[in-house]
PDB file of N, CA and C in Angstrom:
ATOM      1  N   MET A   1      15.894  -9.197   9.140  1.00  0.00           N
ATOM      2  CA  MET A   1      14.705  -9.812   9.116  1.00  0.00           C
ATOM      3  C   MET A   1      13.680  -8.910   8.168  1.00  0.00           C
ATOM      4  N   ASP A   2      12.740  -9.793   7.512  1.00  0.00           N
ATOM      5  CA  ASP A   2      11.737  -9.296   6.682  1.00  0.00           C
ATOM      6  C   ASP A   2      10.885  -8.432   7.240  1.00  0.00           C
ATOM      7  N   SER A   3      10.673  -7.135   6.729  1.00  0.00           N
ATOM      8  CA  SER A   3       9.954  -5.944   7.315  1.00  0.00           C
ATOM      9  C   SER A   3       8.316  -6.484   7.145  1.00  0.00           C
ATOM     10  N   LYS A   4       8.018  -7.172   6.377  1.00  0.00           N
ATOM     11  CA  LYS A   4       6.545  -7.510   6.276  1.00  0.00           C
ATOM     12  C   LYS A   4       6.362  -8.487   7.569  1.00  0.00           C
ATOM     13  N   PHE A   5       7.253  -9.648   7.780  1.00  0.00           N
ATOM     14  CA  PHE A   5       7.226 -10.506   8.753  1.00  0.00           C
ATOM     15  C   PHE A   5       7.053  -9.559  10.307  1.00  0.00           C
ATOM     16  N   LEU A   6       7.824  -8.771  10.346  1.00  0.00           N
ATOM     17  CA  LEU A   6       8.150  -7.962  11.597  1.00  0.00           C
ATOM     18  C   LEU A   6       6.763  -7.095  11.949  1.00  0.00           C
ATOM     19  N   GLU A   7       6.019  -6.514  10.690  1.00  0.00           N
ATOM     20  CA  GLU A   7       5.112  -6.070  10.869  1.00  0.00           C
ATOM     21  C   GLU A   7       3.653  -7.038  11.304  1.00  0.00           C
ATOM     22  N   GLN A   8       3.636  -8.116  10.729  1.00  0.00           N
ATOM     23  CA  GLN A   8       2.735  -9.163  11.063  1.00  0.00           C
ATOM     24  C   GLN A   8       2.807  -9.507  12.582  1.00  0.00           C
ATOM     25  N   ALA A   9       4.150  -9.870  13.013  1.00  0.00           N
ATOM     26  CA  ALA A   9       4.515 -10.338  14.324  1.00  0.00           C
ATOM     27  C   ALA A   9       4.014  -9.143  15.213  1.00  0.00           C
ATOM     28  N   ALA A  10       4.143  -7.965  15.037  1.00  0.00           N
ATOM     29  CA  ALA A  10       3.872  -6.892  15.848  1.00  0.00           C
ATOM     30  C   ALA A  10       2.354  -6.773  15.978  1.00  0.00           C
ATOM     31  N   ASP A  11       1.718  -6.821  14.904  1.00  0.00           N
ATOM     32  CA  ASP A  11       0.122  -6.982  14.739  1.00  0.00           C
ATOM     33  C   ASP A  11      -0.343  -7.915  15.749  1.00  0.00           C
ATOM     34  N   MET A  12       0.403  -9.075  15.690  1.00  0.00           N
ATOM     35  CA  MET A  12      -0.527 -10.424  16.356  1.00  0.00           C
ATOM     36  C   MET A  12      -0.106  -9.784  17.905  1.00  0.00           C
ATOM     37  N   LEU A  13       0.992  -9.592  18.219  1.00  0.00           N
ATOM     38  CA  LEU A  13       1.363  -9.106  19.450  1.00  0.00           C
ATOM     39  C   LEU A  13       0.464  -8.039  20.033  1.00  0.00           C
ATOM     40  N   LYS A  14       0.166  -7.100  19.321  1.00  0.00           N
ATOM     41  CA  LYS A  14      -0.816  -5.978  19.794  1.00  0.00           C
ATOM     42  C   LYS A  14      -2.210  -6.469  19.972  1.00  0.00           C
ATOM     43  N   THR A  15      -2.620  -7.466  19.026  1.00  0.00           N
ATOM     44  CA  THR A  15      -3.934  -8.193  19.031  1.00  0.00           C
ATOM     45  C   THR A  15      -3.887  -9.078  20.463  1.00  0.00           C
ATOM     46  N   MET A  16      -3.096  -9.791  20.836  1.00  0.00           N
ATOM     47  CA  MET A  16      -3.027 -10.600  22.109  1.00  0.00           C
ATOM     48  C   MET A  16      -2.828  -9.877  23.398  1.00  0.00           C
ATOM     49  N   GLY A  17      -2.294  -8.577  23.203  1.00  0.00           N
ATOM     50  CA  GLY A  17      -1.759  -7.719  24.462  1.00  0.00           C
ATOM     51  C   GLY A  17      -3.163  -7.263  25.356  1.00  0.00           C
ATOM     52  N   HIS A  18      -3.958  -8.048  25.461  1.00  0.00           N
ATOM     53  CA  HIS A  18      -5.176  -7.676  26.293  1.00  0.00           C
ATOM     54  C   HIS A  18      -5.425  -8.890  27.228  1.00  0.00           C
ATOM     55  N   PRO A  19      -5.732  -8.611  28.651  1.00  0.00           N
ATOM     56  CA  PRO A  19      -5.804  -9.920  29.564  1.00  0.00           C
ATOM     57  C   PRO A  19      -7.198 -10.942  29.244  1.00  0.00           C
ATOM     58  N   LEU A  20      -8.057 -10.067  28.683  1.00  0.00           N
ATOM     59  CA  LEU A  20      -9.413 -11.045  28.147  1.00  0.00           C
ATOM     60  C   LEU A  20      -8.850 -11.868  27.172  1.00  0.00           C
ATOM     61  N   ARG A  21      -8.245 -11.434  26.241  1.00  0.00           N
ATOM     62  CA  ARG A  21      -7.942 -12.151  24.773  1.00  0.00           C
ATOM     63  C   ARG A  21      -6.884 -13.092  25.206  1.00  0.00           C
ATOM     64  N   LEU A  22      -5.963 -12.818  26.192  1.00  0.00           N
ATOM     65  CA  LEU A  22      -5.288 -14.090  26.804  1.00  0.00           C
ATOM     66  C   LEU A  22      -6.068 -15.227  27.183  1.00  0.00           C
ATOM     67  N   LYS A  23      -7.024 -14.733  28.301  1.00  0.00           N
ATOM     68  CA  LYS A  23      -7.825 -15.931  28.924  1.00  0.00           C
ATOM     69  C   LYS A  23      -8.621 -16.693  27.671  1.00  0.00           C
ATOM     70  N   ILE A  24      -9.066 -15.642  26.928  1.00  0.00           N
ATOM     71  CA  ILE A  24      -9.751 -16.806  25.622  1.00  0.00           C
ATOM     72  C   ILE A  24      -8.924 -17.687  25.058  1.00  0.00           C
ATOM     73  N   THR A  25      -7.498 -17.250  24.704  1.00  0.00           N
ATOM     74  CA  THR A  25      -6.908 -17.938  24.059  1.00  0.00           C
ATOM     75  C   THR A  25      -6.359 -19.172  25.061  1.00  0.00           C
ATOM     76  N   ILE A  26      -6.006 -19.097  26.145  1.00  0.00           N
ATOM     77  CA  ILE A  26      -5.791 -20.089  27.128  1.00  0.00           C
ATOM     78  C   ILE A  26      -7.102 -21.263  27.171  1.00  0.00           C
ATOM     79  N   PHE A  27      -8.216 -20.594  27.373  1.00  0.00           N
ATOM     80  CA  PHE A  27      -9.325 -21.708  27.574  1.00  0.00           C
ATOM     81  C   PHE A  27      -9.492 -22.418  26.257  1.00  0.00           C
ATOM     82  N   LEU A  28      -9.593 -21.533  25.178  1.00  0.00           N
ATOM     83  CA  LEU A  28      -9.342 -22.366  23.832  1.00  0.00           C
ATOM     84  C   LEU A  28      -8.395 -23.543  23.634  1.00  0.00           C
ATOM     85  N   GLN A  29      -7.194 -23.449  24.372  1.00  0.00           N
ATOM     86  CA  GLN A  29      -6.372 -24.603  24.201  1.00  0.00           C
ATOM     87  C   GLN A  29      -7.128 -25.845  24.622  1.00  0.00           C
ATOM     88  N   GLU A  30      -8.236 -25.986  25.228  1.00  0.00           N
ATOM     89  CA  GLU A  30      -8.816 -27.126  25.518  1.00  0.00           C
ATOM     90  C   GLU A  30      -9.780 -27.642  24.224  1.00  0.00           C
ATOM     91  N   GLY A  31      -9.997 -26.802  23.209  1.00  0.00           N
ATOM     92  CA  GLY A  31     -10.432 -27.040  22.305  1.00  0.00           C
ATOM     93  C   GLY A  31     -11.782 -26.230  21.981  1.00  0.00           C
ATOM     94  N   GLU A  32     -12.641 -26.346  20.928  1.00  0.00           N
ATOM     95  CA  GLU A  32     -13.792 -25.586  20.252  1.00  0.00           C
ATOM     96  C   GLU A  32     -14.568 -25.084  21.484  1.00  0.00           C
ATOM     97  N   GLN A  33     -14.917 -23.952  21.554  1.00  0.00           N
ATOM     98  CA  GLN A  33     -15.973 -23.674  22.504  1.00  0.00           C
ATOM     99  C   GLN A  33     -16.999 -22.644  21.984  1.00  0.00           C
ATOM    100  N   THR A  34     -18.216 -22.334  22.564  1.00  0.00           N
ATOM    101  CA  THR A  34     -19.200 -21.484  22.320  1.00  0.00           C
ATOM    102  C   THR A  34     -18.828 -20.204  22.833  1.00  0.00           C
ATOM    103  N   VAL A  35     -19.585 -19.029  22.405  1.00  0.00           N
ATOM    104  CA  VAL A  35     -19.211 -17.485  23.221  1.00  0.00           C
ATOM    105  C   VAL A  35     -19.908 -17.681  24.452  1.00  0.00           C
ATOM    106  N   GLY A  36     -20.857 -18.450  24.746  1.00  0.00           N
ATOM    107  CA  GLY A  36     -21.626 -18.541  26.181  1.00  0.00           C
ATOM    108  C   GLY A  36     -20.360 -19.323  26.826  1.00  0.00           C
ATOM    109  N   ALA A  37     -19.712 -20.145  26.591  1.00  0.00           N
ATOM    110  CA  ALA A  37     -18.775 -20.874  27.514  1.00  0.00           C
ATOM    111  C   ALA A  37     -17.626 -20.081  27.517  1.00  0.00           C
ATOM    112  N   ILE A  38     -17.023 -19.240  26.577  1.00  0.00           N
ATOM    113  CA  ILE A  38     -15.887 -18.639  26.635  1.00  0.00           C
ATOM    114  C   ILE A  38     -16.204 -17.305  27.639  1.00  0.00           C
ATOM    115  N   SER A  39     -17.433 -16.858  27.442  1.00  0.00           N
ATOM    116  CA  SER A  39     -17.916 -15.570  28.470  1.00  0.00           C
ATOM    117  C   SER A  39     -17.942 -16.225  29.749  1.00  0.00           C
ATOM    118  N   GLU A  40     -18.470 -17.299  30.096  1.00  0.00           N
ATOM    119  CA  GLU A  40     -18.611 -17.577  31.332  1.00  0.00           C
ATOM    120  C   GLU A  40     -17.385 -17.723  31.969  1.00  0.00           C
ATOM    121  N   ASN A  41     -16.282 -18.492  31.053  1.00  0.00           N
ATOM    122  CA  ASN A  41     -14.971 -18.872  31.598  1.00  0.00           C
ATOM    123  C   ASN A  41     -14.209 -17.734  31.751  1.00  0.00           C
ATOM    124  N   ILE A  42     -14.196 -16.482  31.099  1.00  0.00           N
ATOM    125  CA  ILE A  42     -13.288 -15.356  31.269  1.00  0.00           C
ATOM    126  C   ILE A  42     -14.026 -14.335  32.187  1.00  0.00           C
ATOM    127  N   GLY A  43     -15.334 -14.681  32.549  1.00  0.00           N
ATOM    128  CA  GLY A  43     -16.008 -13.618  33.418  1.00  0.00           C
ATOM    129  C   GLY A  43     -16.161 -12.098  32.746  1.00  0.00           C
ATOM    130  N   ALA A  44     -16.609 -12.380  31.385  1.00  0.00           N
ATOM    131  CA  ALA A  44     -17.045 -11.143  30.759  1.00  0.00           C
ATOM    132  C   ALA A  44     -18.227 -11.274  30.270  1.00  0.00           C
ATOM    133  N   SER A  45     -18.947  -9.940  29.703  1.00  0.00           N
ATOM    134  CA  SER A  45     -20.349 -10.177  29.359  1.00  0.00           C
ATOM    135  C   SER A  45     -20.352 -11.092  27.698  1.00  0.00           C
ATOM    136  N   GLN A  46     -21.263 -11.811  27.340  1.00  0.00           N
ATOM    137  CA  GLN A  46     -21.127 -12.159  26.116  1.00  0.00           C
ATOM    138  C   GLN A  46     -20.822 -10.931  24.886  1.00  0.00           C
ATOM    139  N   SER A  47     -21.486  -9.859  25.142  1.00  0.00           N
ATOM    140  CA  SER A  47     -21.090  -8.690  24.025  1.00  0.00           C
ATOM    141  C   SER A  47     -19.921  -8.583  24.119  1.00  0.00           C
ATOM    142  N   ALA A  48     -19.092  -8.421  25.184  1.00  0.00           N
ATOM    143  CA  ALA A  48     -17.363  -7.920  25.404  1.00  0.00           C
ATOM    144  C   ALA A  48     -16.806  -9.234  24.688  1.00  0.00           C
ATOM    145  N   THR A  49     -17.108 -10.126  24.951  1.00  0.00           N
ATOM    146  CA  THR A  49     -16.606 -11.285  24.551  1.00  0.00           C
ATOM    147  C   THR A  49     -16.466 -11.544  22.885  1.00  0.00           C
ATOM    148  N   SER A  50     -17.972 -11.343  22.520  1.00  0.00           N
ATOM    149  CA  SER A  50     -17.843 -11.306  21.109  1.00  0.00           C
ATOM    150  C   SER A  50     -17.029 -10.395  20.300  1.00  0.00           C
ATOM    151  N   GLN A  51     -16.950  -9.322  20.827  1.00  0.00           N
ATOM    152  CA  GLN A  51     -16.000  -7.944  20.292  1.00  0.00           C
ATOM    153  C   GLN A  51     -14.677  -8.664  20.084  1.00  0.00           C
ATOM    154  N   HIS A  52     -14.210  -9.305  21.299  1.00  0.00           N
ATOM    155  CA  HIS A  52     -12.691  -9.742  21.270  1.00  0.00           C
ATOM    156  C   HIS A  52     -12.583 -11.158  20.330  1.00  0.00           C
ATOM    157  N   LEU A  53     -13.443 -11.831  20.196  1.00  0.00           N
ATOM    158  CA  LEU A  53     -13.613 -13.017  19.414  1.00  0.00           C
ATOM    159  C   LEU A  53     -13.545 -12.562  18.028  1.00  0.00           C
ATOM    160  N   ASN A  54     -14.057 -11.359  17.557  1.00  0.00           N
ATOM    161  CA  ASN A  54     -14.456 -10.983  16.471  1.00  0.00           C
ATOM    162  C   ASN A  54     -13.187 -10.456  15.951  1.00  0.00           C
ATOM    163  N   MET A  55     -12.354  -9.696  16.788  1.00  0.00           N
ATOM    164  CA  MET A  55     -10.959  -9.023  16.475  1.00  0.00           C
ATOM    165  C   MET A  55     -10.110 -10.156  16.282  1.00  0.00           C
ATOM    166  N   MET A  56     -10.039 -11.240  17.193  1.00  0.00           N
ATOM    167  CA  MET A  56      -9.167 -12.231  17.029  1.00  0.00           C
ATOM    168  C   MET A  56      -9.297 -13.031  15.865  1.00  0.00           C
ATOM    169  N   LYS A  57     -10.680 -13.280  15.600  1.00  0.00           N
ATOM    170  CA  LYS A  57     -10.925 -13.920  14.445  1.00  0.00           C
ATOM    171  C   LYS A  57     -10.350 -13.071  13.024  1.00  0.00           C
ATOM    172  N   MET A  58     -10.758 -11.699  13.142  1.00  0.00           N
ATOM    173  CA  MET A  58     -10.292 -10.862  12.079  1.00  0.00           C
ATOM    174  C   MET A  58      -8.907 -10.834  11.676  1.00  0.00           C
ATOM    175  N   LYS A  59      -8.159 -10.843  12.609  1.00  0.00           N
ATOM    176  CA  LYS A  59      -6.787 -10.986  12.667  1.00  0.00           C
ATOM    177  C   LYS A  59      -6.034 -12.341  12.432  1.00  0.00           C
ATOM    178  N   GLY A  60      -6.886 -13.382  12.278  1.00  0.00           N
ATOM    179  CA  GLY A  60      -6.434 -14.637  11.943  1.00  0.00           C
ATOM    180  C   GLY A  60      -5.899 -15.355  13.182  1.00  0.00           C
ATOM    181  N   ILE A  61      -6.036 -15.209  14.295  1.00  0.00           N
ATOM    182  CA  ILE A  61      -5.749 -15.827  15.365  1.00  0.00           C
ATOM    183  C   ILE A  61      -6.541 -17.124  15.777  1.00  0.00           C
ATOM    184  N   LEU A  62      -8.079 -16.730  15.672  1.00  0.00           N
ATOM    185  CA  LEU A  62      -9.163 -17.595  16.052  1.00  0.00           C
ATOM    186  C   LEU A  62      -9.891 -17.894  14.469  1.00  0.00           C
ATOM    187  N   LYS A  63     -10.604 -19.082  14.683  1.00  0.00           N
ATOM    188  CA  LYS A  63     -11.559 -19.514  13.550  1.00  0.00           C
ATOM    189  C   LYS A  63     -12.592 -19.882  14.190  1.00  0.00           C
ATOM    190  N   SER A  64     -13.857 -19.768  13.358  1.00  0.00           N
ATOM    191  CA  SER A  64     -15.007 -20.312  13.837  1.00  0.00           C
ATOM    192  C   SER A  64     -15.728 -21.382  12.860  1.00  0.00           C
ATOM    193  N   ARG A  65     -16.731 -22.125  13.547  1.00  0.00           N
ATOM    194  CA  ARG A  65     -17.412 -22.803  12.465  1.00  0.00           C
ATOM    195  C   ARG A  65     -18.867 -22.987  13.090  1.00  0.00           C
ATOM    196  N   ARG A  66     -19.878 -23.085  12.303  1.00  0.00           N
ATOM    197  CA  ARG A  66     -21.357 -22.977  12.497  1.00  0.00           C
ATOM    198  C   ARG A  66     -21.651 -24.441  12.803  1.00  0.00           C
ATOM    199  N   ASP A  67     -22.541 -25.064  13.931  1.00  0.00           N
ATOM    200  CA  ASP A  67     -22.975 -26.456  13.909  1.00  0.00           C
ATOM    201  C   ASP A  67     -24.397 -26.144  14.267  1.00  0.00           C
ATOM    202  N   ALA A  68     -25.317 -26.305  13.619  1.00  0.00           N
ATOM    203  CA  ALA A  68     -26.514 -26.058  13.694  1.00  0.00           C
ATOM    204  C   ALA A  68     -26.728 -24.412  13.943  1.00  0.00           C
ATOM    205  N   THR A  69     -27.119 -24.223  15.257  1.00  0.00           N
ATOM    206  CA  THR A  69     -27.400 -22.733  15.925  1.00  0.00           C
ATOM    207  C   THR A  69     -26.317 -22.168  16.404  1.00  0.00           C
ATOM    208  N   MET A  70     -25.272 -23.031  16.788  1.00  0.00           N
ATOM    209  CA  MET A  70     -23.956 -22.641  17.593  1.00  0.00           C
ATOM    210  C   MET A  70     -22.962 -22.129  16.648  1.00  0.00           C
ATOM    211  N   VAL A  71     -22.395 -21.193  17.066  1.00  0.00           N
ATOM    212  CA  VAL A  71     -20.912 -20.714  16.414  1.00  0.00           C
ATOM    213  C   VAL A  71     -19.634 -21.324  17.582  1.00  0.00           C
ATOM    214  N   LEU A  72     -18.978 -22.094  16.813  1.00  0.00           N
ATOM    215  CA  LEU A  72     -17.713 -22.570  17.824  1.00  0.00           C
ATOM    216  C   LEU A  72     -16.524 -21.973  17.397  1.00  0.00           C
ATOM    217  N   TYR A  73     -15.496 -21.531  18.144  1.00  0.00           N
ATOM    218  CA  TYR A  73     -14.478 -20.750  18.182  1.00  0.00           C
ATOM    219  C   TYR A  73     -13.270 -21.746  18.559  1.00  0.00           C
ATOM    220  N   SER A  74     -12.125 -21.658  17.620  1.00  0.00           N
ATOM    221  CA  SER A  74     -10.811 -22.317  18.195  1.00  0.00           C
ATOM    222  C   SER A  74      -9.737 -21.475  17.776  1.00  0.00           C
ATOM    223  N   VAL A  75      -8.749 -21.982  18.066  1.00  0.00           N
ATOM    224  CA  VAL A  75      -7.349 -21.136  17.639  1.00  0.00           C
ATOM    225  C   VAL A  75      -7.034 -21.748  16.331  1.00  0.00           C
ATOM    226  N   ALA A  76      -6.627 -20.600  15.518  1.00  0.00           N
ATOM    227  CA  ALA A  76      -6.101 -20.976  14.202  1.00  0.00           C
ATOM    228  C   ALA A  76      -4.557 -20.966  14.091  1.00  0.00           C
ATOM    229  N   ARG A  77      -4.014 -20.350  14.955  1.00  0.00           N
ATOM    230  CA  ARG A  77      -2.606 -20.079  15.169  1.00  0.00           C
ATOM    231  C   ARG A  77      -2.123 -20.445  16.339  1.00  0.00           C
ATOM    232  N   PRO A  78      -1.968 -21.938  16.448  1.00  0.00           N
ATOM    233  CA  PRO A  78      -1.382 -22.515  17.673  1.00  0.00           C
ATOM    234  C   PRO A  78      -0.162 -21.929  18.287  1.00  0.00           C
ATOM    235  N   GLU A  79       0.496 -21.233  17.359  1.00  0.00           N
ATOM    236  CA  GLU A  79       2.116 -20.851  17.912  1.00  0.00           C
ATOM    237  C   GLU A  79       1.712 -19.654  19.054  1.00  0.00           C
ATOM    238  N   VAL A  80       0.419 -19.192  19.036  1.00  0.00           N
ATOM    239  CA  VAL A  80       0.032 -18.313  20.246  1.00  0.00           C
ATOM    240  C   VAL A  80       0.272 -18.908  21.511  1.00  0.00           C
ATOM    241  N   PHE A  81       0.273 -20.504  21.633  1.00  0.00           N
ATOM    242  CA  PHE A  81       0.524 -21.122  22.846  1.00  0.00           C
ATOM    243  C   PHE A  81       1.700 -20.770  23.165  1.00  0.00           C
ATOM    244  N   LYS A  82       2.787 -20.930  22.258  1.00  0.00           N
ATOM    245  CA  LYS A  82       4.209 -20.787  22.543  1.00  0.00           C
ATOM    246  C   LYS A  82       4.642 -19.359  23.261  1.00  0.00           C
ATOM    247  N   ILE A  83       4.096 -18.441  22.448  1.00  0.00           N
ATOM    248  CA  ILE A  83       4.098 -16.924  23.027  1.00  0.00           C
ATOM    249  C   ILE A  83       3.675 -16.948  24.314  1.00  0.00           C
ATOM    250  N   ILE A  84       2.527 -17.444  24.714  1.00  0.00           N
ATOM    251  CA  ILE A  84       1.885 -17.313  26.013  1.00  0.00           C
ATOM    252  C   ILE A  84       2.870 -17.902  26.958  1.00  0.00           C
ATOM    253  N   HIS A  85       3.405 -19.253  26.595  1.00  0.00           N
ATOM    254  CA  HIS A  85       3.993 -19.947  27.622  1.00  0.00           C
ATOM    255  C   HIS A  85       5.547 -19.153  27.809  1.00  0.00           C
ATOM    256  N   CYS A  86       5.802 -18.449  26.752  1.00  0.00           N
ATOM    257  CA  CYS A  86       7.437 -17.790  26.826  1.00  0.00           C
ATOM    258  C   CYS A  86       7.201 -16.643  27.774  1.00  0.00           C
ATOM    259  N   ILE A  87       5.874 -16.102  27.940  1.00  0.00           N
ATOM    260  CA  ILE A  87       6.038 -14.659  28.809  1.00  0.00           C
ATOM    261  C   ILE A  87       5.593 -15.230  30.196  1.00  0.00           C
ATOM    262  N   GLY A  88       5.322 -16.396  30.495  1.00  0.00           N
ATOM    263  CA  GLY A  88       4.918 -16.813  31.422  1.00  0.00           C
ATOM    264  C   GLY A  88       3.477 -16.495  31.930  1.00  0.00           C
ATOM    265  N   VAL A  89       2.509 -16.482  31.319  1.00  0.00           N
ATOM    266  CA  VAL A  89       1.123 -16.205  31.591  1.00  0.00           C
ATOM    267  C   VAL A  89       0.318 -17.390  31.690  1.00  0.00           C
ATOM    268  N   HIS A  90       0.724 -18.611  31.121  1.00  0.00           N
ATOM    269  CA  HIS A  90       0.032 -19.672  31.368  1.00  0.00           C
ATOM    270  C   HIS A  90       0.637 -20.311  32.641  1.00  0.00           C
ATOM    271  N   GLN A  91      -0.393 -20.697  33.148  1.00  0.00           N
ATOM    272  CA  GLN A  91      -0.133 -21.499  34.717  1.00  0.00           C
ATOM    273  C   GLN A  91      -0.620 -22.948  34.766  1.00  0.00           C
ATOM    274  N   GLU A  92       0.127 -23.617  34.934  1.00  0.00           N
ATOM    275  CA  GLU A  92      -0.111 -25.267  35.217  1.00  0.00           C
ATOM    276  C   GLU A  92      -0.868 -25.353  36.334  1.00  0.00           C
ATOM    277  N   GLU A  93      -2.144 -26.188  36.062  1.00  0.00           N
ATOM    278  CA  GLU A  93      -2.960 -26.516  37.213  1.00  0.00           C
ATOM    279  C   GLU A  93      -2.614 -27.909  37.914  1.00  0.00           C
TER     280      GLU A  93
END
């Protein structure tokens, strides 16, 4: 396998290796959300949520767009849902 691919894969897995980031990703499977909605859903402060969102955005896992005064976050790399599903974190309701 290509070593650059392996490095990128390892970096993505490291980034996703936090329970709150997994919660964020699962919540964003429903579509775009604001920081406030994400924060409320995952049970973390807006400050902590923003830090996780920024890290995930910086790593290319999430993307954001501005709508007037709101910033909406969504998943930029939908393959993360496959990863979550494969490790059994995603629970069907």
